[in-house]
Amino acid sequence: MESIFEDEQVEFQEEPNEIRLSIVKSIENELKLYELLEQKSIDKIDSQKKTIKEGSREWEILFRKYYKDEVSKLGKSF
């Protein structure tokens, strides 16, 4: 951040603190999104007819598959 603020070729429309707060908020929102995707993946596993023990190989495989599917729905790469 410091190098950007020190660069004379870069002109800001907002105060540096406002820019920092905006970046933090964006990161927090992204983290919340991925937490939601994790929970959706877990819910899909829990909805299976067969009980799948968390931490088992089968659970891990399903989690990765469902998580990847959820991420791809957003158009993001995994």
Protein backbone atom coordinates (compact mmCIF):
# COMPACT_ATOMS: atom_id res chain seq x y z
CA MET A 1 0.00 0.00 0.00
CA GLU A 2 2.76 2.41 0.89
CA SER A 3 4.40 2.15 -2.52
CA ILE A 4 1.08 2.93 -4.21
CA PHE A 5 0.48 5.95 -2.01
CA GLU A 6 4.00 7.19 -2.60
CA ASP A 7 3.73 6.85 -6.39
CA GLU A 8 3.25 10.35 -7.80
CA GLN A 9 1.68 8.93 -10.96
CA VAL A 10 -1.23 7.52 -8.97
CA GLU A 11 -4.00 9.92 -8.04
CA PHE A 12 -6.65 8.94 -5.48
CA GLN A 13 -10.22 10.12 -5.32
CA GLU A 14 -10.61 9.04 -1.69
CA GLU A 15 -8.56 9.35 1.46
CA PRO A 16 -6.04 6.55 2.09
CA ASN A 17 -7.95 5.31 5.14
CA GLU A 18 -11.17 5.05 3.13
CA ILE A 19 -9.32 3.01 0.52
CA ARG A 20 -7.93 0.70 3.20
CA LEU A 21 -11.38 0.25 4.74
CA SER A 22 -12.84 -0.56 1.35
CA ILE A 23 -10.17 -3.18 0.74
CA VAL A 24 -10.74 -4.75 4.15
CA LYS A 25 -14.49 -4.85 3.58
CA SER A 26 -13.99 -6.50 0.18
CA ILE A 27 -11.75 -9.16 1.68
CA GLU A 28 -14.21 -9.79 4.52
CA ASN A 29 -17.09 -10.16 2.05
CA GLU A 30 -15.08 -12.61 -0.03
CA LEU A 31 -14.25 -14.68 3.05
CA LYS A 32 -17.93 -14.74 4.08
CA LEU A 33 -18.84 -15.94 0.59
CA TYR A 34 -16.39 -18.83 0.79
CA GLU A 35 -17.65 -19.72 4.28
CA LEU A 36 -21.17 -19.85 2.83
CA LEU A 37 -19.97 -22.12 0.03
CA GLU A 38 -18.33 -24.39 2.61
CA GLN A 39 -21.57 -24.59 4.57
CA LYS A 40 -23.57 -25.36 1.42
CA SER A 41 -21.15 -28.17 0.64
CA ILE A 42 -21.48 -29.58 4.16
CA ASP A 43 -25.27 -29.33 3.96
CA LYS A 44 -25.23 -31.33 0.71
CA ILE A 45 -23.18 -34.06 2.38
CA ASP A 46 -25.52 -34.07 5.39
CA SER A 47 -28.54 -34.43 3.11
CA GLN A 48 -27.29 -37.74 1.71
CA LYS A 49 -29.45 -40.77 2.50
CA LYS A 50 -26.35 -42.56 3.70
CA THR A 51 -24.68 -41.11 6.78
CA ILE A 52 -21.16 -40.04 5.89
CA LYS A 53 -18.79 -39.50 8.77
CA GLU A 54 -17.06 -36.13 8.70
CA GLY A 55 -13.34 -36.50 8.19
CA SER A 56 -13.67 -39.78 6.34
CA ARG A 57 -12.16 -40.15 2.89
CA GLU A 58 -15.62 -40.26 1.34
CA TRP A 59 -16.64 -37.07 3.17
CA GLU A 60 -13.48 -35.26 2.05
CA ILE A 61 -13.99 -36.30 -1.57
CA LEU A 62 -17.63 -35.18 -1.56
CA PHE A 63 -16.76 -31.92 0.18
CA ARG A 64 -14.13 -31.04 -2.42
CA LYS A 65 -16.50 -31.95 -5.25
CA TYR A 66 -19.45 -29.98 -3.88
CA TYR A 67 -17.24 -27.03 -2.94
CA LYS A 68 -15.71 -26.93 -6.40
CA ASP A 69 -19.21 -27.09 -7.92
CA GLU A 70 -20.37 -24.16 -5.77
CA VAL A 71 -17.31 -22.08 -6.66
CA SER A 72 -17.77 -22.79 -10.37
CA LYS A 73 -21.40 -21.62 -10.15
CA LEU A 74 -19.99 -18.20 -9.29
CA GLY A 75 -17.74 -18.25 -12.33
CA LYS A 76 -14.64 -18.37 -10.20
CA SER A 77 -11.78 -20.79 -10.59
CA PHE A 78 -10.75 -23.22 -7.88
